Structure formats: C-alpha cells, structure tokens
C-alpha cells in the first residue's frame, strides 16, 4: 500500500484476474479463459502464480473446490476478499481518472 492507503498501480494481468473474480468465485481455468478474452492468451503459470501472490497478499481466498469433468477430480475456486475488492476498486478508479485526463488533454481530438 502507498502512504495514503491507496495500493500501487496493478499489472494488467493482476487487474484482469481481480476483475474476473469480482463477478463470482471461479477456478483458475475459468480465470485463464477470462484473461484470454481480455487481451491475449495467458498461461497457467502466470495465472496460478498471480493467484498465489494475491492469496498471500490477502486479496484472494479459497472458495472451496468444485467437481470437474475428466481426470482432474476437483478444481480449486478463488474469491475476492474485502481487501481484494478494495484493491480492485482503487485500480478501477485510477484507470477512470487516467481516462479523464486523456480526454481533458484531447489526446484523440485529431482522430474524429
């Protein structure tokens, strides 16, 4: 956390994982699919590594396991914690403020 209690800017991958989990608890493969739709394929090492780091930070928690089809057995589901929701909202606010700045500076004014 920064001095004012606001978390530092997140990586795009971390933001998209929190965004995916903000809707409902999901297993890692569902999170991977959500990230693929948000900007390109992301591998399991990236997703599960990020989920592990977010668990250690207290942003994500286990939401139990769900039975899966096939040989896997059960898949671990993840959910946002209150801290994770706070971090997600803070990042979304930062992105909106940045977008407002871009509009105010008319960055795309010549592209109409």
Protein backbone atom coordinates (compact mmCIF):
# COMPACT_ATOMS: atom_id res chain seq x y z
CA UNK A 1 0.00 0.00 0.00
CA UNK A 2 1.12 3.53 -0.69
CA UNK A 3 1.39 6.01 2.17
CA UNK A 4 -2.16 7.30 1.65
CA UNK A 5 -3.60 3.78 1.88
CA UNK A 6 -4.05 3.52 -1.89
CA UNK A 7 -2.49 0.43 -3.45
CA UNK A 8 0.15 0.98 -6.14
CA UNK A 9 -0.93 0.54 -9.78
CA UNK A 10 -1.56 -3.08 -10.69
CA UNK A 11 -0.22 -5.03 -13.62
CA UNK A 12 -2.83 -5.63 -16.35
CA UNK A 13 -2.84 -9.36 -15.51
CA UNK A 14 -3.49 -8.75 -11.82
CA UNK A 15 -6.23 -6.24 -12.61
CA UNK A 16 -7.98 -8.63 -15.02
CA UNK A 17 -7.80 -11.51 -12.53
CA UNK A 18 -9.37 -9.34 -9.82
CA UNK A 19 -11.96 -8.16 -12.34
CA UNK A 20 -12.85 -11.75 -13.25
CA UNK A 21 -13.14 -12.75 -9.60
CA UNK A 22 -15.18 -9.64 -8.85
CA UNK A 23 -18.13 -11.17 -10.65
CA UNK A 24 -18.14 -14.50 -8.81
CA UNK A 25 -15.76 -17.13 -7.40
CA UNK A 26 -14.03 -19.03 -10.20
CA UNK A 27 -11.46 -21.76 -10.69
CA UNK A 28 -8.12 -20.98 -12.28
CA UNK A 29 -9.01 -22.28 -15.74
CA UNK A 30 -12.09 -20.02 -15.88
CA UNK A 31 -9.89 -17.09 -14.88
CA UNK A 32 -7.46 -18.04 -17.66
CA UNK A 33 -10.32 -18.03 -20.20
CA UNK A 34 -11.48 -14.62 -18.95
CA UNK A 35 -7.97 -13.23 -19.37
CA UNK A 36 -7.66 -14.66 -22.87
CA UNK A 37 -10.74 -12.67 -23.85
CA UNK A 38 -9.24 -9.54 -22.32
CA UNK A 39 -6.13 -9.24 -24.41
CA UNK A 40 -4.50 -12.47 -25.41
CA UNK A 41 -3.62 -15.88 -24.09
CA UNK A 42 -2.22 -16.20 -20.59
CA UNK A 43 -0.64 -19.43 -19.42
CA UNK A 44 -1.38 -21.40 -16.27
CA UNK A 45 1.93 -20.46 -14.65
CA UNK A 46 1.07 -16.78 -14.94
CA UNK A 47 -2.48 -17.17 -13.62
CA UNK A 48 -1.76 -19.59 -10.78
CA UNK A 49 1.37 -17.68 -9.78
CA UNK A 50 -0.62 -14.45 -9.63
CA UNK A 51 -3.44 -16.13 -7.70
CA UNK A 52 -0.90 -17.46 -5.19
CA UNK A 53 0.65 -13.99 -4.73
CA UNK A 54 -2.82 -12.46 -4.33
CA UNK A 55 -3.68 -15.07 -1.70
CA UNK A 56 -0.51 -14.19 0.20
CA UNK A 57 -1.43 -10.50 -0.04
CA UNK A 58 -4.90 -11.26 1.33
CA UNK A 59 -6.74 -10.15 -1.82
CA UNK A 60 -7.99 -13.62 -2.80
CA UNK A 61 -9.14 -16.58 -0.74
CA UNK A 62 -10.13 -20.16 -1.35
CA UNK A 63 -13.82 -20.53 -2.11
CA UNK A 64 -13.83 -24.31 -1.95
CA UNK A 65 -13.45 -26.84 -4.70
CA UNK A 66 -15.83 -27.80 -7.44
CA UNK A 67 -16.09 -31.18 -9.05
CA UNK A 68 -14.71 -31.20 -12.56
CA UNK A 69 -15.23 -33.39 -15.54
CA UNK A 70 -12.44 -35.72 -16.51
CA UNK A 71 -9.42 -36.95 -14.63
CA UNK A 72 -8.68 -33.75 -12.72
CA UNK A 73 -11.10 -34.51 -9.89
CA UNK A 74 -11.72 -31.20 -8.13
CA UNK A 75 -10.75 -27.68 -9.10
CA UNK A 76 -9.93 -25.04 -6.53
CA UNK A 77 -12.17 -21.96 -6.73
CA UNK A 78 -10.99 -18.49 -5.75
CA UNK A 79 -12.94 -15.47 -4.49
CA UNK A 80 -12.11 -11.87 -3.72
CA UNK A 81 -11.71 -10.83 -0.11
CA UNK A 82 -12.81 -7.42 1.15
CA UNK A 83 -9.21 -6.27 0.71
CA UNK A 84 -9.16 -7.61 -2.85
CA UNK A 85 -12.38 -5.74 -3.67
CA UNK A 86 -10.81 -2.56 -2.22
CA UNK A 87 -7.73 -3.01 -4.42
CA UNK A 88 -9.92 -3.67 -7.49
CA UNK A 89 -11.98 -0.53 -6.87
CA UNK A 90 -8.88 1.58 -6.27
CA UNK A 91 -7.35 0.42 -9.56
CA UNK A 92 -10.60 0.96 -11.47
CA UNK A 93 -10.79 4.49 -10.02
CA UNK A 94 -7.18 5.14 -11.07
CA UNK A 95 -7.94 3.95 -14.62
CA UNK A 96 -11.04 6.16 -14.85
CA UNK A 97 -9.08 9.17 -13.59
CA UNK A 98 -6.39 8.48 -16.19
CA UNK A 99 -9.03 8.22 -18.93
CA UNK A 100 -10.48 11.56 -17.79
CA UNK A 101 -7.01 13.09 -18.08
CA UNK A 102 -6.62 11.71 -21.61
CA UNK A 103 -9.99 13.23 -22.57
CA UNK A 104 -9.16 16.56 -20.91
CA UNK A 105 -5.92 16.78 -22.90
CA UNK A 106 -7.80 15.89 -26.08
CA UNK A 107 -5.23 13.26 -26.97
CA UNK A 108 -7.50 11.81 -29.67
CA UNK A 109 -9.03 15.11 -30.86
CA UNK A 110 -7.38 14.87 -34.28
CA UNK A 111 -8.84 11.39 -34.93
CA UNK A 112 -12.51 12.38 -35.30
